[in-house]
C-alpha atoms as a PDB file:
ATOM      1  CA  MET A   1      69.164  90.552  93.032  1.00  0.00           C
ATOM      2  CA  ASP A   2      70.192  91.197  89.392  1.00  0.00           C
ATOM      3  CA  VAL A   3      68.539  94.631  89.491  1.00  0.00           C
ATOM      4  CA  LEU A   4      70.316  95.453  92.696  1.00  0.00           C
ATOM      5  CA  LYS A   5      73.716  94.174  91.349  1.00  0.00           C
ATOM      6  CA  GLU A   6      73.388  96.364  88.304  1.00  0.00           C
ATOM      7  CA  ALA A   7      72.470  99.393  90.318  1.00  0.00           C
ATOM      8  CA  VAL A   8      75.527  98.973  92.521  1.00  0.00           C
ATOM      9  CA  ARG A   9      77.798  98.482  89.452  1.00  0.00           C
ATOM     10  CA  ALA A  10      76.433 101.449  87.736  1.00  0.00           C
ATOM     11  CA  TYR A  11      76.767 103.667  90.901  1.00  0.00           C
ATOM     12  CA  VAL A  12      80.385 102.544  91.489  1.00  0.00           C
ATOM     13  CA  SER A  13      81.253 103.138  87.797  1.00  0.00           C
ATOM     14  CA  GLN A  14      80.107 106.762  88.205  1.00  0.00           C
ATOM     15  CA  TYR A  15      81.060 107.655  91.754  1.00  0.00           C
ATOM     16  CA  GLY A  16      83.645 105.046  92.878  1.00  0.00           C
ATOM     17  CA  ASN A  17      87.368 105.696  93.162  1.00  0.00           C
ATOM     18  CA  HIS A  18      90.036 103.680  91.429  1.00  0.00           C
ATOM     19  CA  GLU A  19      89.840 100.986  94.087  1.00  0.00           C
ATOM     20  CA  GLY A  20      86.158 100.277  93.276  1.00  0.00           C
ATOM     21  CA  LEU A  21      84.967 101.915  96.379  1.00  0.00           C
ATOM     22  CA  ALA A  22      81.924 104.225  96.552  1.00  0.00           C
ATOM     23  CA  PRO A  23      80.749 106.007  99.661  1.00  0.00           C
ATOM     24  CA  THR A  24      77.129 107.099  99.478  1.00  0.00           C
ATOM     25  CA  PRO A  25      74.980 109.987 100.812  1.00  0.00           C
ATOM     26  CA  VAL A  26      72.997 107.336 102.718  1.00  0.00           C
ATOM     27  CA  PRO A  27      74.358 107.064 106.289  1.00  0.00           C
ATOM     28  CA  GLY A  28      76.152 103.845 106.949  1.00  0.00           C
ATOM     29  CA  LEU A  29      75.764 102.571 103.290  1.00  0.00           C
ATOM     30  CA  ARG A  30      78.939 101.653 101.297  1.00  0.00           C
ATOM     31  CA  LEU A  31      79.331  99.978  97.947  1.00  0.00           C
ATOM     32  CA  LYS A  32      82.078  98.007  96.346  1.00  0.00           C
ATOM     33  CA  CYS A  33      82.798  96.668  92.894  1.00  0.00           C
ATOM     34  CA  VAL A  34      86.335  95.102  92.326  1.00  0.00           C
ATOM     35  CA  GLU A  35      87.527  93.400  89.151  1.00  0.00           C
ATOM     36  CA  ALA A  36      90.497  91.411  90.515  1.00  0.00           C
ATOM     37  CA  PRO A  37      91.471  90.052  93.850  1.00  0.00           C
ATOM     38  CA  HIS A  38      94.256  91.774  95.814  1.00  0.00           C
ATOM     39  CA  GLY A  39      95.934  90.935  99.187  1.00  0.00           C
ATOM     40  CA  ASP A  40      94.553  90.595 102.617  1.00  0.00           C
ATOM     41  CA  LEU A  41      93.010  93.576 104.358  1.00  0.00           C
ATOM     42  CA  HIS A  42      93.447  94.186 108.087  1.00  0.00           C
ATOM     43  CA  ALA A  43      90.755  96.457 109.652  1.00  0.00           C
ATOM     44  CA  ILE A  44      88.762  96.943 112.753  1.00  0.00           C
ATOM     45  CA  THR A  45      85.132  97.362 111.612  1.00  0.00           C
ATOM     46  CA  ARG A  46      82.075  98.445 113.426  1.00  0.00           C
ATOM     47  CA  PRO A  47      79.077  96.107 113.589  1.00  0.00           C
ATOM     48  CA  LEU A  48      77.690  95.698 110.040  1.00  0.00           C
ATOM     49  CA  VAL A  49      75.897  93.442 107.578  1.00  0.00           C
ATOM     50  CA  ILE A  50      77.690  92.714 104.261  1.00  0.00           C
ATOM     51  CA  ILE A  51      75.656  91.455 101.425  1.00  0.00           C
ATOM     52  CA  VAL A  52      77.564  89.797  98.500  1.00  0.00           C
ATOM     53  CA  LEU A  53      75.819  90.114  95.186  1.00  0.00           C
ATOM     54  CA  GLN A  54      78.596  88.661  93.021  1.00  0.00           C
ATOM     55  CA  GLY A  55      81.940  87.016  93.582  1.00  0.00           C
ATOM     56  CA  ALA A  56      83.207  85.518  96.754  1.00  0.00           C
ATOM     57  CA  LYS A  57      85.121  86.771  99.876  1.00  0.00           C
ATOM     58  CA  ARG A  58      86.976  85.124 102.780  1.00  0.00           C
ATOM     59  CA  MET A  59      86.682  86.734 106.096  1.00  0.00           C
ATOM     60  CA  VAL A  60      88.533  86.002 109.405  1.00  0.00           C
ATOM     61  CA  VAL A  61      86.922  87.476 112.515  1.00  0.00           C
ATOM     62  CA  GLY A  62      88.659  86.642 115.810  1.00  0.00           C
ATOM     63  CA  ARG A  63      88.729  82.809 115.816  1.00  0.00           C
ATOM     64  CA  GLU A  64      86.077  82.449 113.221  1.00  0.00           C
ATOM     65  CA  GLU A  65      86.633  82.117 109.430  1.00  0.00           C
ATOM     66  CA  ARG A  66      84.056  81.939 106.680  1.00  0.00           C
ATOM     67  CA  ILE A  67      83.906  82.244 102.867  1.00  0.00           C
ATOM     68  CA  PHE A  68      80.708  83.850 101.693  1.00  0.00           C
ATOM     69  CA  SER A  69      79.549  84.255  98.112  1.00  0.00           C
ATOM     70  CA  ALA A  70      76.808  85.681  95.942  1.00  0.00           C
ATOM     71  CA  GLY A  71      73.385  85.420  97.639  1.00  0.00           C
ATOM     72  CA  GLN A  72      74.887  85.285 101.105  1.00  0.00           C
ATOM     73  CA  SER A  73      75.150  87.902 103.944  1.00  0.00           C
ATOM     74  CA  ALA A  74      77.751  88.191 106.695  1.00  0.00           C
ATOM     75  CA  ILE A  75      76.939  89.930 109.860  1.00  0.00           C
ATOM     76  CA  VAL A  76      79.908  91.197 112.121  1.00  0.00           C
ATOM     77  CA  SER A  77      78.375  91.683 115.487  1.00  0.00           C
ATOM     78  CA  ALA A  78      81.095  93.782 117.287  1.00  0.00           C
ATOM     79  CA  ASP A  79      83.958  96.295 116.753  1.00  0.00           C
ATOM     80  CA  MET A  80      86.215  93.462 115.615  1.00  0.00           C
ATOM     81  CA  PRO A  81      89.614  93.236 114.071  1.00  0.00           C
ATOM     82  CA  ILE A  82      89.010  91.419 110.794  1.00  0.00           C
ATOM     83  CA  VAL A  83      91.075  90.071 107.877  1.00  0.00           C
ATOM     84  CA  THR A  84      89.465  89.821 104.576  1.00  0.00           C
ATOM     85  CA  ARG A  85      90.480  88.644 101.135  1.00  0.00           C
ATOM     86  CA  ILE A  86      88.463  88.600  97.851  1.00  0.00           C
ATOM     87  CA  GLU A  87      88.504  85.111  96.466  1.00  0.00           C
ATOM     88  CA  CYS A  88      86.567  85.502  93.274  1.00  0.00           C
ATOM     89  CA  ALA A  89      86.477  88.511  90.944  1.00  0.00           C
ATOM     90  CA  SER A  90      87.164  89.240  87.303  1.00  0.00           C
ATOM     91  CA  PRO A  91      86.544  92.117  84.752  1.00  0.00           C
ATOM     92  CA  SER A  92      83.432  90.262  83.403  1.00  0.00           C
ATOM     93  CA  GLU A  93      82.237  89.294  86.878  1.00  0.00           C
ATOM     94  CA  PRO A  94      83.549  91.537  89.437  1.00  0.00           C
ATOM     95  CA  TYR A  95      83.041  91.140  93.150  1.00  0.00           C
ATOM     96  CA  ILE A  96      80.047  93.249  94.034  1.00  0.00           C
ATOM     97  CA  ALA A  97      79.081  93.859  97.673  1.00  0.00           C
ATOM     98  CA  ILE A  98      77.040  96.170  99.810  1.00  0.00           C
ATOM     99  CA  ALA A  99      77.776  97.059 103.470  1.00  0.00           C
ATOM    100  CA  ILE A 100      75.431  98.584 105.833  1.00  0.00           C
ATOM    101  CA  GLU A 101      76.337  99.607 109.452  1.00  0.00           C
ATOM    102  CA  ILE A 102      74.180  98.183 112.172  1.00  0.00           C
ATOM    103  CA  GLU A 103      72.782 100.941 114.327  1.00  0.00           C
ATOM    104  CA  MET A 104      72.523  99.870 117.955  1.00  0.00           C
ATOM    105  CA  ALA A 105      69.807 102.274 118.928  1.00  0.00           C
ATOM    106  CA  ILE A 106      67.537 100.887 116.248  1.00  0.00           C
ATOM    107  CA  LEU A 107      68.538  97.292 117.044  1.00  0.00           C
ATOM    108  CA  SER A 108      67.627  97.946 120.680  1.00  0.00           C
ATOM    109  CA  GLU A 109      64.258  99.398 119.692  1.00  0.00           C
ATOM    110  CA  ALA A 110      63.459  96.417 117.315  1.00  0.00           C
ATOM    111  CA  ALA A 111      64.629  93.940 119.941  1.00  0.00           C
ATOM    112  CA  ALA A 112      62.362  95.516 122.584  1.00  0.00           C
ATOM    113  CA  HIS A 113      59.498  95.261 120.223  1.00  0.00           C
ATOM    114  CA  LEU A 114      60.180  91.616 119.659  1.00  0.00           C
ATOM    115  CA  GLY A 115      60.650  91.073 123.379  1.00  0.00           C
ATOM    116  CA  ARG A 116      64.307  89.927 122.972  1.00  0.00           C
ATOM    117  CA  THR A 117      66.097  92.322 125.226  1.00  0.00           C
ATOM    118  CA  ARG A 118      66.100  89.911 128.037  1.00  0.00           C
ATOM    119  CA  LEU A 119      66.790  86.424 126.867  1.00  0.00           C
ATOM    120  CA  LYS A 120      66.380  83.659 129.512  1.00  0.00           C
ATOM    121  CA  HIS A 121      68.879  81.543 127.652  1.00  0.00           C
ATOM    122  CA  ARG A 122      71.561  83.673 126.121  1.00  0.00           C
ATOM    123  CA  PRO A 123      73.225  82.063 123.151  1.00  0.00           C
ATOM    124  CA  THR A 124      76.976  81.629 123.084  1.00  0.00           C
ATOM    125  CA  ILE A 125      78.499  84.803 121.778  1.00  0.00           C
ATOM    126  CA  SER A 126      79.558  84.731 118.173  1.00  0.00           C
ATOM    127  CA  THR A 127      80.965  87.673 116.286  1.00  0.00           C
ATOM    128  CA  LEU A 128      80.538  86.499 112.634  1.00  0.00           C
ATOM    129  CA  PHE A 129      77.372  85.021 111.165  1.00  0.00           C
ATOM    130  CA  THR A 130      76.822  83.899 107.592  1.00  0.00           C
ATOM    131  CA  ASP A 131      73.549  83.069 106.026  1.00  0.00           C
ATOM    132  CA  ASP A 132      71.598  83.186 102.827  1.00  0.00           C
ATOM    133  CA  THR A 133      70.260  86.683 102.077  1.00  0.00           C
ATOM    134  CA  GLU A 134      66.441  86.871 102.576  1.00  0.00           C
ATOM    135  CA  ALA A 135      64.237  88.599 100.031  1.00  0.00           C
ATOM    136  CA  ALA A 136      62.957  90.996 102.759  1.00  0.00           C
ATOM    137  CA  THR A 137      66.514  92.142 103.469  1.00  0.00           C
ATOM    138  CA  LEU A 138      67.259  92.586  99.831  1.00  0.00           C
ATOM    139  CA  ASP A 139      64.160  94.722  99.470  1.00  0.00           C
ATOM    140  CA  CYS A 140      65.316  97.061 102.150  1.00  0.00           C
ATOM    141  CA  VAL A 141      68.617  97.326 100.728  1.00  0.00           C
ATOM    142  CA  TYR A 142      67.341  98.175  97.322  1.00  0.00           C
ATOM    143  CA  ARG A 143      65.203 100.902  98.702  1.00  0.00           C
ATOM    144  CA  LEU A 144      68.313 102.367 100.567  1.00  0.00           C
ATOM    145  CA  MET A 145      70.142 102.198  97.274  1.00  0.00           C
ATOM    146  CA  ARG A 146      67.434 104.204  95.464  1.00  0.00           C
ATOM    147  CA  MET A 147      68.050 107.106  97.866  1.00  0.00           C
ATOM    148  CA  CYS A 148      71.642 107.442  96.506  1.00  0.00           C
ATOM    149  CA  ASP A 149      70.192 109.388  93.521  1.00  0.00           C
ATOM    150  CA  GLN A 150      67.561 111.126  95.590  1.00  0.00           C
ATOM    151  CA  PRO A 151      69.334 112.355  98.699  1.00  0.00           C
ATOM    152  CA  SER A 152      66.503 114.781  99.481  1.00  0.00           C
ATOM    153  CA  ALA A 153      64.471 111.598 100.365  1.00  0.00           C
ATOM    154  CA  ILE A 154      66.911 110.414 103.072  1.00  0.00           C
ATOM    155  CA  PRO A 155      65.806 112.377 106.071  1.00  0.00           C
ATOM    156  CA  LEU A 156      62.214 111.253 105.591  1.00  0.00           C
ATOM    157  CA  LEU A 157      62.689 107.640 104.357  1.00  0.00           C
ATOM    158  CA  HIS A 158      66.013 106.447 105.812  1.00  0.00           C
ATOM    159  CA  PRO A 159      64.875 105.923 109.468  1.00  0.00           C
ATOM    160  CA  GLY A 160      61.952 103.846 108.598  1.00  0.00           C
ATOM    161  CA  ILE A 161      63.811 101.594 106.147  1.00  0.00           C
ATOM    162  CA  MET A 162      66.546 101.065 108.722  1.00  0.00           C
ATOM    163  CA  ARG A 163      64.073 100.085 111.388  1.00  0.00           C
ATOM    164  CA  GLU A 164      62.598  97.505 108.928  1.00  0.00           C
ATOM    165  CA  LEU A 165      66.048  96.159 108.022  1.00  0.00           C
ATOM    166  CA  HIS A 166      66.936  95.695 111.667  1.00  0.00           C
ATOM    167  CA  PHE A 167      63.602  94.051 112.264  1.00  0.00           C
ATOM    168  CA  TRP A 168      64.343  91.485 109.533  1.00  0.00           C
ATOM    169  CA  LEU A 169      67.782  90.924 110.849  1.00  0.00           C
ATOM    170  CA  LEU A 170      66.439  90.206 114.319  1.00  0.00           C
ATOM    171  CA  SER A 171      63.797  88.024 112.862  1.00  0.00           C
ATOM    172  CA  GLY A 172      66.267  85.857 111.058  1.00  0.00           C
ATOM    173  CA  ASN A 173      68.326  82.719 112.051  1.00  0.00           C
ATOM    174  CA  HIS A 174      70.853  84.780 114.008  1.00  0.00           C
ATOM    175  CA  GLY A 175      68.280  87.116 115.748  1.00  0.00           C
ATOM    176  CA  PRO A 176      69.002  85.760 119.259  1.00  0.00           C
ATOM    177  CA  GLU A 177      72.767  86.337 118.884  1.00  0.00           C
ATOM    178  CA  LEU A 178      72.110  89.898 117.711  1.00  0.00           C
ATOM    179  CA  ALA A 179      69.649  90.486 120.504  1.00  0.00           C
ATOM    180  CA  THR A 180      72.347  89.822 123.106  1.00  0.00           C
ATOM    181  CA  LEU A 181      74.028  93.067 121.918  1.00  0.00           C
ATOM    182  CA  CYS A 182      71.051  94.931 123.267  1.00  0.00           C
ATOM    183  CA  ASP A 183      70.813  93.130 126.500  1.00  0.00           C
ATOM    184  CA  PRO A 184      72.125  95.463 129.300  1.00  0.00           C
ATOM    185  CA  ALA A 185      73.114  92.356 131.298  1.00  0.00           C
ATOM    186  CA  SER A 186      75.143  90.776 128.452  1.00  0.00           C
ATOM    187  CA  HIS A 187      78.859  90.734 128.367  1.00  0.00           C
ATOM    188  CA  ALA A 188      78.836  92.058 124.818  1.00  0.00           C
ATOM    189  CA  ASN A 189      76.717  95.041 125.742  1.00  0.00           C
ATOM    190  CA  ARG A 190      78.877  95.855 128.805  1.00  0.00           C
ATOM    191  CA  LEU A 191      82.182  95.497 126.844  1.00  0.00           C
ATOM    192  CA  ALA A 192      80.906  98.001 124.251  1.00  0.00           C
ATOM    193  CA  ALA A 193      81.661 100.862 126.614  1.00  0.00           C
ATOM    194  CA  ALA A 194      85.197  99.770 127.066  1.00  0.00           C
ATOM    195  CA  VAL A 195      85.717  99.292 123.305  1.00  0.00           C
ATOM    196  CA  ALA A 196      84.386 102.870 122.681  1.00  0.00           C
ATOM    197  CA  ILE A 197      87.008 104.226 124.888  1.00  0.00           C
ATOM    198  CA  LEU A 198      89.791 102.276 123.145  1.00  0.00           C
ATOM    199  CA  ARG A 199      88.501 103.397 119.705  1.00  0.00           C
ATOM    200  CA  ALA A 200      88.242 107.068 120.778  1.00  0.00           C
ATOM    201  CA  GLU A 201      91.596 107.228 122.702  1.00  0.00           C
ATOM    202  CA  TYR A 202      93.737 104.706 121.078  1.00  0.00           C
ATOM    203  CA  ARG A 203      96.663 107.085 120.894  1.00  0.00           C
ATOM    204  CA  SER A 204      96.766 107.459 124.601  1.00  0.00           C
ATOM    205  CA  ARG A 205      97.793 105.191 127.543  1.00  0.00           C
ATOM    206  CA  ILE A 206      94.541 103.792 128.946  1.00  0.00           C
ATOM    207  CA  SER A 207      94.472 101.960 132.269  1.00  0.00           C
ATOM    208  CA  VAL A 208      92.881  98.554 132.393  1.00  0.00           C
ATOM    209  CA  GLU A 209      91.204  99.654 135.670  1.00  0.00           C
ATOM    210  CA  ARG A 210      89.329 102.432 133.768  1.00  0.00           C
ATOM    211  CA  LEU A 211      88.256  99.940 130.976  1.00  0.00           C
ATOM    212  CA  ALA A 212      87.011  97.441 133.467  1.00  0.00           C
ATOM    213  CA  ALA A 213      85.082 100.119 135.438  1.00  0.00           C
ATOM    214  CA  ALA A 214      83.361 101.276 132.176  1.00  0.00           C
ATOM    215  CA  ALA A 215      82.291  97.713 131.603  1.00  0.00           C
ATOM    216  CA  GLY A 216      81.104  97.222 135.159  1.00  0.00           C
ATOM    217  CA  MET A 217      83.453  94.288 135.677  1.00  0.00           C
ATOM    218  CA  GLY A 218      86.276  93.290 137.967  1.00  0.00           C
ATOM    219  CA  LEU A 219      89.716  93.153 136.335  1.00  0.00           C
ATOM    220  CA  THR A 220      89.843  89.279 136.071  1.00  0.00           C
ATOM    221  CA  ALA A 221      86.328  88.991 134.585  1.00  0.00           C
ATOM    222  CA  PHE A 222      87.028  91.986 132.284  1.00  0.00           C
ATOM    223  CA  HIS A 223      90.154  90.356 130.793  1.00  0.00           C
ATOM    224  CA  THR A 224      88.452  87.007 130.401  1.00  0.00           C
ATOM    225  CA  HIS A 225      85.328  88.278 128.655  1.00  0.00           C
ATOM    226  CA  PHE A 226      87.206  90.854 126.540  1.00  0.00           C
ATOM    227  CA  LYS A 227      89.531  88.288 125.080  1.00  0.00           C
ATOM    228  CA  ARG A 228      86.755  85.615 124.691  1.00  0.00           C
ATOM    229  CA  MET A 229      84.728  88.079 122.611  1.00  0.00           C
ATOM    230  CA  LEU A 230      87.448  89.934 120.705  1.00  0.00           C
ATOM    231  CA  SER A 231      90.146  87.358 120.462  1.00  0.00           C
ATOM    232  CA  LEU A 232      92.658  89.957 121.759  1.00  0.00           C
ATOM    233  CA  SER A 233      93.558  91.398 125.155  1.00  0.00           C
ATOM    234  CA  PRO A 234      92.729  95.143 125.590  1.00  0.00           C
ATOM    235  CA  GLY A 235      96.442  95.989 124.939  1.00  0.00           C
ATOM    236  CA  GLN A 236      96.612  93.919 121.811  1.00  0.00           C
ATOM    237  CA  TYR A 237      93.300  95.443 120.593  1.00  0.00           C
ATOM    238  CA  GLN A 238      94.730  99.036 121.134  1.00  0.00           C
ATOM    239  CA  LYS A 239      97.908  98.107 119.396  1.00  0.00           C
ATOM    240  CA  ARG A 240      95.890  96.676 116.408  1.00  0.00           C
ATOM    241  CA  LEU A 241      94.090  99.977 116.165  1.00  0.00           C
ATOM    242  CA  ARG A 242      97.358 101.968 116.063  1.00  0.00           C
ATOM    243  CA  LEU A 243      98.989  99.730 113.416  1.00  0.00           C
ATOM    244  CA  ILE A 244      95.928  99.751 111.181  1.00  0.00           C
ATOM    245  CA  GLU A 245      95.639 103.554 111.381  1.00  0.00           C
ATOM    246  CA  ALA A 246      99.364 103.933 110.810  1.00  0.00           C
ATOM    247  CA  ARG A 247      99.151 101.902 107.616  1.00  0.00           C
ATOM    248  CA  ARG A 248      96.344 104.006 106.359  1.00  0.00           C
ATOM    249  CA  LEU A 249      98.307 107.223 107.111  1.00  0.00           C
ATOM    250  CA  MET A 250     101.217 105.871 105.088  1.00  0.00           C
ATOM    251  CA  LEU A 251      99.081 104.678 102.170  1.00  0.00           C
ATOM    252  CA  GLU A 252      96.472 107.415 101.903  1.00  0.00           C
ATOM    253  CA  GLU A 253      98.184 110.516 103.234  1.00  0.00           C
ATOM    254  CA  GLY A 254     101.816 109.736 102.305  1.00  0.00           C
ATOM    255  CA  LEU A 255     103.242 109.938 105.951  1.00  0.00           C
ATOM    256  CA  SER A 256     106.658 108.277 106.472  1.00  0.00           C
ATOM    257  CA  ALA A 257     106.808 105.291 108.875  1.00  0.00           C
ATOM    258  CA  SER A 258     108.356 107.354 111.688  1.00  0.00           C
ATOM    259  CA  SER A 259     105.675 110.204 111.267  1.00  0.00           C
ATOM    260  CA  ALA A 260     102.882 107.550 111.211  1.00  0.00           C
ATOM    261  CA  ALA A 261     104.285 105.816 114.255  1.00  0.00           C
ATOM    262  CA  PHE A 262     104.419 108.941 116.384  1.00  0.00           C
ATOM    263  CA  ASP A 263     101.039 110.192 115.102  1.00  0.00           C
ATOM    264  CA  VAL A 264      99.214 106.954 116.400  1.00  0.00           C
ATOM    265  CA  GLY A 265     100.942 107.080 119.799  1.00  0.00           C
ATOM    266  CA  TYR A 266     104.159 105.069 119.429  1.00  0.00           C
ATOM    267  CA  GLU A 267     107.233 106.423 121.305  1.00  0.00           C
ATOM    268  CA  SER A 268     109.726 104.094 119.617  1.00  0.00           C
ATOM    269  CA  VAL A 269     109.959 103.895 115.848  1.00  0.00           C
ATOM    270  CA  SER A 270     111.937 100.445 116.297  1.00  0.00           C
ATOM    271  CA  GLN A 271     109.073  99.098 118.378  1.00  0.00           C
ATOM    272  CA  PHE A 272     106.555 100.264 115.842  1.00  0.00           C
ATOM    273  CA  THR A 273     108.650  98.604 112.988  1.00  0.00           C
ATOM    274  CA  ARG A 274     108.804  95.232 114.912  1.00  0.00           C
ATOM    275  CA  GLU A 275     105.163  95.198 115.604  1.00  0.00           C
ATOM    276  CA  TYR A 276     104.101  96.334 112.228  1.00  0.00           C
ATOM    277  CA  GLY A 277     106.157  93.450 110.706  1.00  0.00           C
ATOM    278  CA  ARG A 278     104.495  90.915 112.922  1.00  0.00           C
ATOM    279  CA  LEU A 279     101.125  91.929 111.877  1.00  0.00           C
ATOM    280  CA  PHE A 280     101.561  92.701 108.174  1.00  0.00           C
ATOM    281  CA  LYS A 281     104.489  90.306 107.488  1.00  0.00           C
ATOM    282  CA  VAL A 282     106.682  93.061 106.043  1.00  0.00           C
ATOM    283  CA  PRO A 283     108.439  96.150 107.279  1.00  0.00           C
ATOM    284  CA  PRO A 284     106.301  99.367 106.990  1.00  0.00           C
ATOM    285  CA  LYS A 285     108.329 101.195 104.346  1.00  0.00           C
ATOM    286  CA  ARG A 286     108.529  98.157 102.099  1.00  0.00           C
ATOM    287  CA  ASP A 287     104.825  97.427 102.608  1.00  0.00           C
ATOM    288  CA  ALA A 288     103.755 101.038 101.562  1.00  0.00           C
ATOM    289  CA  LEU A 289     106.006 100.889  98.465  1.00  0.00           C
ATOM    290  CA  ARG A 290     104.583  97.581  97.507  1.00  0.00           C
ATOM    291  CA  ILE A 291     101.017  98.541  97.738  1.00  0.00           C
ATOM    292  CA  ARG A 292     101.518 101.930  95.975  1.00  0.00           C
ATOM    293  CA  ALA A 293     103.016  99.966  93.148  1.00  0.00           C
ATOM    294  CA  MET A 294      99.762  97.900  92.779  1.00  0.00           C
ATOM    295  CA  PRO A 295      97.624  98.732  89.668  1.00  0.00           C
ATOM    296  CA  THR A 296      94.790  99.827  92.022  1.00  0.00           C
ATOM    297  CA  GLY A 297      96.942 101.421  94.696  1.00  0.00           C
ATOM    298  CA  VAL A 298      95.557 100.771  98.083  1.00  0.00           C
ATOM    299  CA  GLU A 299      94.847  97.116  99.039  1.00  0.00           C
ATOM    300  CA  GLU A 300      91.355  95.631  99.175  1.00  0.00           C
ATOM    301  CA  TRP A 301      88.813  97.232 101.670  1.00  0.00           C
ATOM    302  CA  ALA A 302      85.903  95.917 103.636  1.00  0.00           C
ATOM    303  CA  PRO A 303      83.174  95.084 102.753  1.00  0.00           C
END
């Protein structure tokens, strides 16, 4: 782990921005090195595995809350609204983490190989898992990291390493829960179609009937299973998408509160201001000014 930690720190020092974030040429691979905790981050993340190499982070996903630290991994199994906060970081021992997006096609292939796409006893759906990081997983992650400096190797090596990584994830303690995401009969798999519509068209009015039809459910069942899995109603989920994107537009692109509100689909600035304040506990303009005044600018980011 020490070799991987130093590799991440060196890469972020060379290619990271002033927030300690470093995208990579490897699809789905993101690196982070932060020297001081900041405030809460609200985001809606895609399914991913986060590996903490140093420091500690608190994560709230739906109704579940965990603190995970060096040597542990967290798996977010759905397109979930999350709130994260770095709990432990300093200049001498920064928070260092790697995030890798889970690829559903590869997960399904690996689950089929393991015979887990049809589970007789489906586990209770959970959206956040925390466990000790296994050596096999770290080995895959290190090989993904090596391709950052050799992007010509990505087309040839990346698919195989990702298949291996997903195999180890499914072989781990939380394999049965992950396998439910690939089961065509599972609620998680059926709800994914509705979530994809919400994410793609969050600026527009979307009927619940259309979402329920995409999930192959009746209205009552759709509402029940959607809220059980995502901890929000479909309307609340769409609102969260709009507010998080509006905040990004203000902080990263310099839009005014009213411009951001209209850009994400609000028809009333006063309604946007009220709902923004409920989520972020401060009016949008004051929030943007506060964060821009921070030494690192934008607040902490997942992973």
